[in-house]
């Protein structure tokens, strides 16, 4: 799967380095932590690998909709999967940030978050075995909500631990290596599903338990990290600060317009489970799920760097292009399956998910790049805090909308979300080109 050059890079990242080499790059971490960098690098990579792999095994866009169908949960509940998964990990970061920053050693917060996620997965596995129908769906959503809140705790702590233990010019390699290794294992997971025929309910239970086991292995690695106690002064309540900063929405017209465009383009993430449900209705074999997992992983791997290069030229155009791709794809599927009564061919939904994942990757890269370049000076943190807070709330409202639409049909959800994405593409035309005209630092 990996070439010789890639293998050598992975070995160099995981293996200890000599002290002299690390001493030369330890410029922004305590001197006492410098000699621990090689071992910490290894444990951090393994911890991040476990985190990314566990999340891939229980992906809210592909795997969990399949599980909900297996337990007989109603379609309108499935529409809540992505909103709860995403909003639950956004909102607690604002509430829990101050608490984590009052901890001298912050890896403990990550361990708590990982342990809670493992426990939630075990409870979800038991729920799938013991219950069915709408009750199973509601209980599974409750477990997902708790797991998402715990994920927010891990996210806060992971950034702090990485910054305290790894020098600045080595952090990207640590994060990138963990994600790449998880991607490779994720492809193996998709191929394994592709070899299977019909996946019984206990198969999904095993996937949930496997994800819990991966989190436990991650905890065993993460606890080996040698983290020096850090400063605990100056903590700010992120939620109160974000609410105070909401005046940005009133005072900054460009930021307000960007938030509206970002809200409309949320549809590129929220619509995925409904394509997955259509695929399962057409063919419920596990090989179909495997093909969807592979398609999603390949799209993210293949497109992110291209979108990043284009976003440096014009992130506004990236938002428009990616949003248009997702919208036109949805309209084409609605027209083919709903209006013309067409029949999906082999690989139809894998291709659809591949294209949609390409588009969603573009929306993610475009919006992140646009927001960073739109903000000026020290206001960047306020922009991000306000944006994430509002998006967390709006995701829940979008979940309510998709629930109502799902009472009609999955194709109705796809049609409405495609039209919303087209509206977002049109409104994005009025956004300033921040790459061409960089905002002033005192904006």
Protein backbone atom coordinates (compact mmCIF):
# COMPACT_ATOMS: atom_id res chain seq x y z
CA UNK A 1 0.00 0.00 0.00
CA UNK A 2 2.86 2.37 0.78
CA UNK A 3 5.99 2.90 -1.36
CA UNK A 4 9.50 2.56 -0.01
CA UNK A 5 9.94 6.33 0.37
CA UNK A 6 6.68 6.59 2.30
CA UNK A 7 7.70 3.69 4.53
CA UNK A 8 11.02 5.33 5.33
CA UNK A 9 9.30 8.62 6.23
CA UNK A 10 6.87 6.82 8.54
CA UNK A 11 9.75 4.94 10.20
CA UNK A 12 11.68 8.17 10.74
CA UNK A 13 8.63 9.82 12.29
CA UNK A 14 7.84 6.93 14.60
CA UNK A 15 11.41 6.08 15.56
CA UNK A 16 13.34 8.06 18.20
CA UNK A 17 15.72 10.73 16.94
CA UNK A 18 19.00 11.67 18.48
CA UNK A 19 18.99 14.37 21.10
CA UNK A 20 21.19 16.80 19.18
CA UNK A 21 18.77 16.94 16.27
CA UNK A 22 15.81 17.68 18.51
CA UNK A 23 17.78 20.19 20.55
CA UNK A 24 18.27 22.30 17.46
CA UNK A 25 14.52 22.57 16.80
CA UNK A 26 13.20 22.94 20.36
CA UNK A 27 12.62 26.67 20.14
CA UNK A 28 9.08 27.07 21.40
CA UNK A 29 8.67 24.34 24.02
CA UNK A 30 10.26 24.13 27.49
CA UNK A 31 13.87 22.96 27.63
CA UNK A 32 12.87 20.19 30.04
CA UNK A 33 10.55 18.77 27.38
CA UNK A 34 13.08 18.82 24.57
CA UNK A 35 14.69 15.45 25.23
CA UNK A 36 11.23 13.84 25.38
CA UNK A 37 10.26 14.97 21.86
CA UNK A 38 11.22 11.72 20.01
CA UNK A 39 9.15 9.44 22.24
CA UNK A 40 6.29 11.94 22.48
CA UNK A 41 6.21 12.18 18.70
CA UNK A 42 5.69 8.43 18.45
CA UNK A 43 2.94 8.28 21.08
CA UNK A 44 1.15 11.31 19.65
CA UNK A 45 1.10 9.78 16.16
CA UNK A 46 -0.28 6.52 17.52
CA UNK A 47 -2.87 8.37 19.61
CA UNK A 48 -4.02 10.43 16.63
CA UNK A 49 -4.07 7.31 14.47
CA UNK A 50 -6.40 5.64 16.98
CA UNK A 51 -8.65 8.72 17.12
CA UNK A 52 -8.96 9.04 13.33
CA UNK A 53 -9.48 5.30 12.81
CA UNK A 54 -12.17 5.02 15.51
CA UNK A 55 -14.08 7.92 13.98
CA UNK A 56 -13.83 6.36 10.54
CA UNK A 57 -15.25 3.05 11.78
CA UNK A 58 -18.41 4.79 13.03
CA UNK A 59 -18.69 7.50 10.36
CA UNK A 60 -22.01 9.35 10.73
CA UNK A 61 -22.39 9.76 6.97
CA UNK A 62 -21.85 6.16 5.87
CA UNK A 63 -21.61 3.48 8.55
CA UNK A 64 -24.17 4.75 11.07
CA UNK A 65 -27.03 5.20 8.54
CA UNK A 66 -26.48 1.53 7.62
CA UNK A 67 -26.68 0.59 11.32
CA UNK A 68 -29.88 2.59 11.78
CA UNK A 69 -31.48 0.73 8.92
CA UNK A 70 -30.33 -2.57 10.42
CA UNK A 71 -32.12 -1.85 13.73
CA UNK A 72 -35.22 -0.60 11.93
CA UNK A 73 -34.94 3.04 13.00
CA UNK A 74 -37.23 5.43 11.06
CA UNK A 75 -35.72 7.55 8.30
CA UNK A 76 -36.52 10.85 10.02
CA UNK A 77 -34.17 9.92 12.87
CA UNK A 78 -31.31 9.26 10.47
CA UNK A 79 -31.43 12.92 9.43
CA UNK A 80 -30.12 13.84 12.89
CA UNK A 81 -26.89 11.84 12.60
CA UNK A 82 -24.66 14.45 10.97
CA UNK A 83 -26.10 17.51 12.82
CA UNK A 84 -25.65 15.87 16.22
CA UNK A 85 -22.22 14.51 15.33
CA UNK A 86 -20.93 17.89 14.14
CA UNK A 87 -22.68 20.35 16.44
CA UNK A 88 -21.96 18.28 19.53
CA UNK A 89 -18.22 18.57 18.91
CA UNK A 90 -18.38 22.34 18.21
CA UNK A 91 -20.41 23.74 21.08
CA UNK A 92 -18.58 22.12 24.03
CA UNK A 93 -15.24 23.47 22.80
CA UNK A 94 -16.49 26.92 23.73
CA UNK A 95 -17.79 25.77 27.11
CA UNK A 96 -14.95 23.47 28.15
CA UNK A 97 -11.96 25.44 26.90
CA UNK A 98 -11.48 27.38 30.12
CA UNK A 99 -11.73 24.21 32.22
CA UNK A 100 -9.06 22.43 30.19
CA UNK A 101 -6.74 25.43 30.33
CA UNK A 102 -6.89 25.39 34.12
CA UNK A 103 -5.30 21.91 34.05
CA UNK A 104 -1.47 22.00 34.32
CA UNK A 105 -1.23 18.61 32.54
CA UNK A 106 -3.85 18.44 29.82
CA UNK A 107 -3.44 14.96 28.45
CA UNK A 108 -5.79 13.88 31.22
CA UNK A 109 -8.64 15.72 29.48
CA UNK A 110 -7.91 13.80 26.26
CA UNK A 111 -7.90 10.51 28.19
CA UNK A 112 -11.26 11.36 29.76
CA UNK A 113 -12.71 12.22 26.37
CA UNK A 114 -11.36 9.05 24.77
CA UNK A 115 -12.61 6.88 27.62
CA UNK A 116 -16.09 8.42 27.43
CA UNK A 117 -16.21 7.80 23.68
CA UNK A 118 -15.21 4.16 24.18
CA UNK A 119 -17.91 3.77 26.83
CA UNK A 120 -20.52 5.36 24.55
CA UNK A 121 -19.65 2.93 21.77
CA UNK A 122 -20.08 -0.05 24.09
CA UNK A 123 -23.48 1.28 25.18
CA UNK A 124 -24.46 1.82 21.53
CA UNK A 125 -23.45 -1.77 20.74
CA UNK A 126 -25.66 -3.05 23.59
CA UNK A 127 -28.50 -0.84 22.37
CA UNK A 128 -28.27 -2.31 18.88
CA UNK A 129 -28.46 -5.83 20.33
CA UNK A 130 -31.29 -5.23 22.80
CA UNK A 131 -33.62 -2.76 21.09
CA UNK A 132 -35.11 -2.06 17.69
CA UNK A 133 -37.25 0.48 15.86
CA UNK A 134 -37.60 4.09 16.92
CA UNK A 135 -36.47 3.33 20.50
CA UNK A 136 -33.16 1.93 19.26
CA UNK A 137 -32.75 4.97 17.01
CA UNK A 138 -33.36 7.46 19.83
CA UNK A 139 -30.99 5.65 22.19
CA UNK A 140 -28.30 5.44 19.50
CA UNK A 141 -28.66 9.16 18.83
CA UNK A 142 -28.26 9.81 22.56
CA UNK A 143 -25.07 7.76 22.59
CA UNK A 144 -23.80 9.64 19.54
CA UNK A 145 -24.53 12.98 21.23
CA UNK A 146 -22.53 12.00 24.32
CA UNK A 147 -19.74 10.70 22.12
CA UNK A 148 -19.68 13.96 20.15
CA UNK A 149 -19.47 16.04 23.33
CA UNK A 150 -16.55 13.89 24.45
CA UNK A 151 -14.91 14.39 21.07
CA UNK A 152 -14.96 18.13 21.68
CA UNK A 153 -13.03 17.57 24.91
CA UNK A 154 -10.41 15.51 23.05
CA UNK A 155 -10.13 18.20 20.38
CA UNK A 156 -9.35 20.95 22.89
CA UNK A 157 -6.79 18.89 24.81
CA UNK A 158 -5.08 17.47 21.72
CA UNK A 159 -4.18 20.93 20.41
CA UNK A 160 -2.70 21.98 23.74
CA UNK A 161 -0.75 18.75 24.26
CA UNK A 162 0.65 18.88 20.73
CA UNK A 163 1.77 22.48 21.22
CA UNK A 164 3.43 21.70 24.56
CA UNK A 165 5.31 18.56 23.48
CA UNK A 166 6.27 19.01 19.81
CA UNK A 167 8.22 21.97 18.35
CA UNK A 168 6.42 24.19 15.87
CA UNK A 169 8.11 22.86 12.73
CA UNK A 170 7.18 19.26 13.55
CA UNK A 171 3.51 19.47 14.43
CA UNK A 172 2.14 19.25 10.93
CA UNK A 173 4.06 16.04 10.27
CA UNK A 174 2.67 14.47 13.43
CA UNK A 175 -0.92 15.33 12.52
CA UNK A 176 -0.52 14.44 8.85
CA UNK A 177 1.14 11.10 9.53
CA UNK A 178 -1.59 9.99 11.93
CA UNK A 179 -4.31 10.98 9.47
CA UNK A 180 -2.56 9.28 6.53
CA UNK A 181 -2.07 6.02 8.42
CA UNK A 182 -5.72 6.08 9.47
CA UNK A 183 -6.71 6.67 5.86
CA UNK A 184 -4.75 3.63 4.75
CA UNK A 185 -6.37 1.45 7.40
CA UNK A 186 -9.74 2.93 6.47
CA UNK A 187 -9.29 1.73 2.90
CA UNK A 188 -8.55 -1.74 4.26
CA UNK A 189 -11.77 -1.52 6.29
CA UNK A 190 -13.70 -0.61 3.15
CA UNK A 191 -12.11 -3.47 1.20
CA UNK A 192 -12.98 -5.90 3.99
CA UNK A 193 -16.61 -4.82 3.86
CA UNK A 194 -16.48 -5.19 0.09
CA UNK A 195 -15.57 -8.86 0.43
CA UNK A 196 -18.56 -9.57 2.64
CA UNK A 197 -22.06 -10.33 1.50
CA UNK A 198 -24.96 -9.52 3.76
CA UNK A 199 -23.82 -8.01 7.06
CA UNK A 200 -25.99 -9.18 9.99
CA UNK A 201 -26.79 -7.00 12.96
CA UNK A 202 -24.06 -8.55 15.07
CA UNK A 203 -21.59 -7.44 12.39
CA UNK A 204 -22.43 -3.80 13.10
CA UNK A 205 -22.15 -4.52 16.82
CA UNK A 206 -18.64 -5.84 16.24
CA UNK A 207 -17.75 -2.67 14.33
CA UNK A 208 -18.90 -0.54 17.29
CA UNK A 209 -16.93 -2.68 19.74
CA UNK A 210 -13.87 -2.56 17.46
CA UNK A 211 -14.04 1.25 17.46
CA UNK A 212 -14.26 1.21 21.28
CA UNK A 213 -11.21 -1.07 21.42
CA UNK A 214 -9.29 1.29 19.15
CA UNK A 215 -10.04 4.17 21.54
CA UNK A 216 -8.73 2.09 24.44
CA UNK A 217 -5.51 1.36 22.52
CA UNK A 218 -5.23 5.08 21.82
CA UNK A 219 -5.54 5.80 25.54
CA UNK A 220 -2.74 3.34 26.32
CA UNK A 221 -0.52 5.21 23.87
CA UNK A 222 -1.56 8.72 24.91
CA UNK A 223 -0.93 8.13 28.59
CA UNK A 224 2.73 7.43 27.75
CA UNK A 225 3.20 11.04 26.59
CA UNK A 226 5.52 12.99 28.89
CA UNK A 227 3.84 16.38 29.22
CA UNK A 228 5.39 19.13 31.33
CA UNK A 229 2.99 21.10 33.57
CA UNK A 230 1.93 24.33 31.89
CA UNK A 231 0.53 27.70 32.86
CA UNK A 232 -3.05 27.79 34.13
CA UNK A 233 -3.57 31.56 34.36
CA UNK A 234 -5.63 33.66 32.05
CA UNK A 235 -8.34 31.19 31.18
CA UNK A 236 -11.34 32.75 29.41
CA UNK A 237 -14.83 31.36 29.30
CA UNK A 238 -15.08 30.66 25.59
CA UNK A 239 -18.89 30.60 25.56
CA UNK A 240 -19.22 34.00 27.26
CA UNK A 241 -16.53 35.45 25.03
CA UNK A 242 -18.24 34.11 21.90
CA UNK A 243 -21.60 35.56 22.94
CA UNK A 244 -19.96 38.91 23.60
CA UNK A 245 -18.39 38.76 20.15
CA UNK A 246 -21.73 38.23 18.41
CA UNK A 247 -21.74 41.94 17.65
CA UNK A 248 -19.39 41.02 14.78
CA UNK A 249 -22.44 39.61 12.98
CA UNK A 250 -24.16 42.97 13.31
CA UNK A 251 -21.18 45.18 12.51
CA UNK A 252 -19.34 43.27 9.76
CA UNK A 253 -21.44 42.88 6.63
CA UNK A 254 -18.88 40.68 4.84
CA UNK A 255 -18.70 38.32 7.81
CA UNK A 256 -22.50 38.21 8.03
CA UNK A 257 -22.75 37.34 4.35
CA UNK A 258 -20.09 34.65 4.72
CA UNK A 259 -22.04 33.06 7.57
CA UNK A 260 -25.15 32.94 5.39
CA UNK A 261 -23.22 31.28 2.55
CA UNK A 262 -21.62 28.81 4.95
CA UNK A 263 -25.04 27.94 6.38
CA UNK A 264 -26.49 27.20 2.96
CA UNK A 265 -23.48 25.07 2.01
CA UNK A 266 -23.94 22.92 5.13
CA UNK A 267 -26.20 20.94 2.83
CA UNK A 268 -23.15 19.28 1.24
CA UNK A 269 -22.51 17.49 4.56
CA UNK A 270 -26.09 16.93 5.67
CA UNK A 271 -27.26 15.29 2.44
CA UNK A 272 -24.75 12.38 2.45
CA UNK A 273 -26.74 9.98 4.69
CA UNK A 274 -29.70 10.16 2.30
CA UNK A 275 -27.58 9.00 -0.62
CA UNK A 276 -26.38 6.18 1.63
CA UNK A 277 -29.99 5.23 2.42
CA UNK A 278 -30.84 5.17 -1.28
CA UNK A 279 -27.87 2.89 -1.85
CA UNK A 280 -28.99 0.54 0.91
CA UNK A 281 -32.54 0.44 -0.40
CA UNK A 282 -31.17 -0.56 -3.79
CA UNK A 283 -28.70 -3.15 -2.46
CA UNK A 284 -28.20 -3.83 1.25
CA UNK A 285 -25.08 -5.99 0.83
CA UNK A 286 -22.05 -5.05 2.91
CA UNK A 287 -19.97 -4.74 -0.27
CA UNK A 288 -22.03 -1.66 -1.16
CA UNK A 289 -21.22 -0.05 2.19
CA UNK A 290 -17.56 -0.97 1.62
CA UNK A 291 -17.59 0.76 -1.75
CA UNK A 292 -19.06 3.90 -0.18
CA UNK A 293 -16.39 3.97 2.54
CA UNK A 294 -13.65 3.55 -0.07
CA UNK A 295 -15.16 6.23 -2.33
CA UNK A 296 -15.36 8.73 0.52
CA UNK A 297 -11.78 8.08 1.63
CA UNK A 298 -10.34 8.26 -1.88
CA UNK A 299 -12.15 11.52 -2.62
CA UNK A 300 -10.83 13.22 0.51
CA UNK A 301 -7.32 11.93 -0.10
CA UNK A 302 -7.24 12.90 -3.77
CA UNK A 303 -8.89 16.31 -3.70
CA UNK A 304 -7.88 18.21 -0.56
CA UNK A 305 -4.50 19.37 -1.84
CA UNK A 306 -6.05 20.50 -5.14
CA UNK A 307 -8.74 22.47 -3.34
CA UNK A 308 -6.08 24.00 -1.08
CA UNK A 309 -4.06 25.18 -4.07
CA UNK A 310 -7.16 26.67 -5.69
CA UNK A 311 -8.26 28.30 -2.41
CA UNK A 312 -4.97 30.21 -2.26
CA UNK A 313 -5.94 31.72 -5.61
CA UNK A 314 -9.59 32.43 -4.69
CA UNK A 315 -11.37 30.72 -1.80
CA UNK A 316 -14.63 32.38 -2.89
CA UNK A 317 -14.42 30.61 -6.25
CA UNK A 318 -13.67 27.33 -4.49
CA UNK A 319 -16.84 27.70 -2.42
CA UNK A 320 -18.83 28.39 -5.57
CA UNK A 321 -17.31 25.57 -7.62
CA UNK A 322 -17.61 22.95 -4.85
CA UNK A 323 -21.14 24.04 -3.96
CA UNK A 324 -22.19 23.92 -7.61
CA UNK A 325 -20.81 20.40 -8.01
CA UNK A 326 -22.79 19.15 -4.99
CA UNK A 327 -25.97 20.94 -6.09
CA UNK A 328 -25.86 19.75 -9.71
CA UNK A 329 -25.10 16.21 -8.56
CA UNK A 330 -28.18 16.22 -6.31
CA UNK A 331 -30.41 17.61 -9.04
CA UNK A 332 -29.13 14.98 -11.49
CA UNK A 333 -29.81 12.13 -9.02
CA UNK A 334 -33.29 13.51 -8.21
CA UNK A 335 -34.10 13.84 -11.91
CA UNK A 336 -32.75 10.39 -12.78
CA UNK A 337 -34.24 8.38 -9.92
CA UNK A 338 -37.26 10.48 -8.96
CA UNK A 339 -38.61 12.04 -12.15
CA UNK A 340 -37.43 9.66 -14.85
CA UNK A 341 -37.70 6.54 -12.69
CA UNK A 342 -34.21 5.35 -13.64
CA UNK A 343 -32.48 2.33 -12.17
CA UNK A 344 -29.04 2.65 -10.48
CA UNK A 345 -26.30 0.70 -12.22
CA UNK A 346 -23.36 -1.08 -10.57
CA UNK A 347 -21.17 1.43 -8.75
CA UNK A 348 -23.78 4.19 -9.16
CA UNK A 349 -23.89 5.27 -5.53
CA UNK A 350 -20.15 4.81 -5.00
CA UNK A 351 -19.64 7.29 -7.83
CA UNK A 352 -22.23 9.65 -6.35
CA UNK A 353 -20.61 9.57 -2.90
CA UNK A 354 -17.17 10.05 -4.50
CA UNK A 355 -18.28 13.20 -6.33
CA UNK A 356 -20.17 14.51 -3.30
CA UNK A 357 -17.14 13.93 -1.07
CA UNK A 358 -14.98 15.81 -3.57
CA UNK A 359 -17.39 18.72 -3.38
CA UNK A 360 -17.66 18.67 0.41
CA UNK A 361 -13.86 18.64 0.75
CA UNK A 362 -13.81 21.77 -1.42
CA UNK A 363 -16.43 23.49 0.72
CA UNK A 364 -14.45 22.70 3.89
CA UNK A 365 -11.14 23.95 2.51
CA UNK A 366 -12.78 26.99 0.92
CA UNK A 367 -14.65 28.14 4.01
CA UNK A 368 -11.66 27.66 6.34
CA UNK A 369 -9.34 29.56 4.01
CA UNK A 370 -11.90 32.31 3.39
CA UNK A 371 -12.56 32.87 7.10
CA UNK A 372 -8.86 33.07 7.99
CA UNK A 373 -8.16 35.52 5.16
CA UNK A 374 -11.30 37.57 5.84
CA UNK A 375 -10.37 38.19 9.47
CA UNK A 376 -7.62 40.67 10.24
CA UNK A 377 -5.08 40.89 13.02
CA UNK A 378 -6.10 39.54 16.42
CA UNK A 379 -9.79 39.27 15.50
CA UNK A 380 -9.32 35.89 13.86
CA UNK A 381 -10.10 34.03 17.10
CA UNK A 382 -13.35 35.97 17.53
CA UNK A 383 -14.41 35.20 13.96
CA UNK A 384 -13.79 31.49 14.45
CA UNK A 385 -15.52 31.38 17.85
CA UNK A 386 -18.64 33.16 16.59
CA UNK A 387 -18.73 31.15 13.36
CA UNK A 388 -18.46 27.78 15.11
CA UNK A 389 -20.99 28.73 17.78
CA UNK A 390 -23.59 29.76 15.22
CA UNK A 391 -22.90 26.76 13.00
CA UNK A 392 -23.38 24.42 15.93
CA UNK A 393 -26.83 25.87 16.57
CA UNK A 394 -27.76 26.01 12.89
CA UNK A 395 -26.76 22.38 12.39
CA UNK A 396 -29.40 21.37 14.90
CA UNK A 397 -31.98 23.47 13.08
CA UNK A 398 -30.92 21.87 9.80
CA UNK A 399 -31.41 18.48 11.41
CA UNK A 400 -35.00 19.45 12.23
CA UNK A 401 -35.53 20.52 8.60
CA UNK A 402 -34.16 17.27 7.22
CA UNK A 403 -36.34 15.31 9.68
CA UNK A 404 -39.47 16.98 8.30
CA UNK A 405 -38.39 16.49 4.69
CA UNK A 406 -37.52 12.84 5.33
CA UNK A 407 -41.18 12.23 6.16
CA UNK A 408 -41.76 12.77 2.43
CA UNK A 409 -38.80 10.87 0.96
CA UNK A 410 -35.03 10.77 0.79
CA UNK A 411 -35.17 12.24 -2.72
CA UNK A 412 -37.11 15.21 -1.36
CA UNK A 413 -34.29 15.91 1.09
CA UNK A 414 -31.73 15.68 -1.73
CA UNK A 415 -33.74 18.08 -3.90
CA UNK A 416 -34.19 20.74 -1.20
CA UNK A 417 -30.58 20.57 -0.02
CA UNK A 418 -29.37 20.83 -3.63
CA UNK A 419 -31.46 23.97 -4.16
CA UNK A 420 -30.11 25.45 -0.91
CA UNK A 421 -26.56 24.76 -2.12
CA UNK A 422 -27.34 26.53 -5.41
CA UNK A 423 -28.62 29.52 -3.45
CA UNK A 424 -25.37 29.53 -1.48
CA UNK A 425 -23.35 29.49 -4.72
CA UNK A 426 -25.32 32.49 -6.00
CA UNK A 427 -24.93 34.48 -2.77
CA UNK A 428 -21.20 33.72 -2.65
CA UNK A 429 -20.81 35.84 -5.78
CA UNK A 430 -21.38 38.93 -3.60
CA UNK A 431 -18.56 38.02 -1.20
CA UNK A 432 -15.37 40.08 -1.56
CA UNK A 433 -12.38 38.29 -3.06
CA UNK A 434 -10.22 38.24 0.06
CA UNK A 435 -7.23 36.74 -1.73
CA UNK A 436 -7.15 39.63 -4.21
CA UNK A 437 -7.90 42.32 -1.59
CA UNK A 438 -6.49 41.22 1.76
CA UNK A 439 -8.27 42.80 4.75
CA UNK A 440 -6.41 45.28 6.85
CA UNK A 441 -5.03 44.12 10.19
CA UNK A 442 -7.18 46.54 12.13
CA UNK A 443 -10.38 45.57 10.43
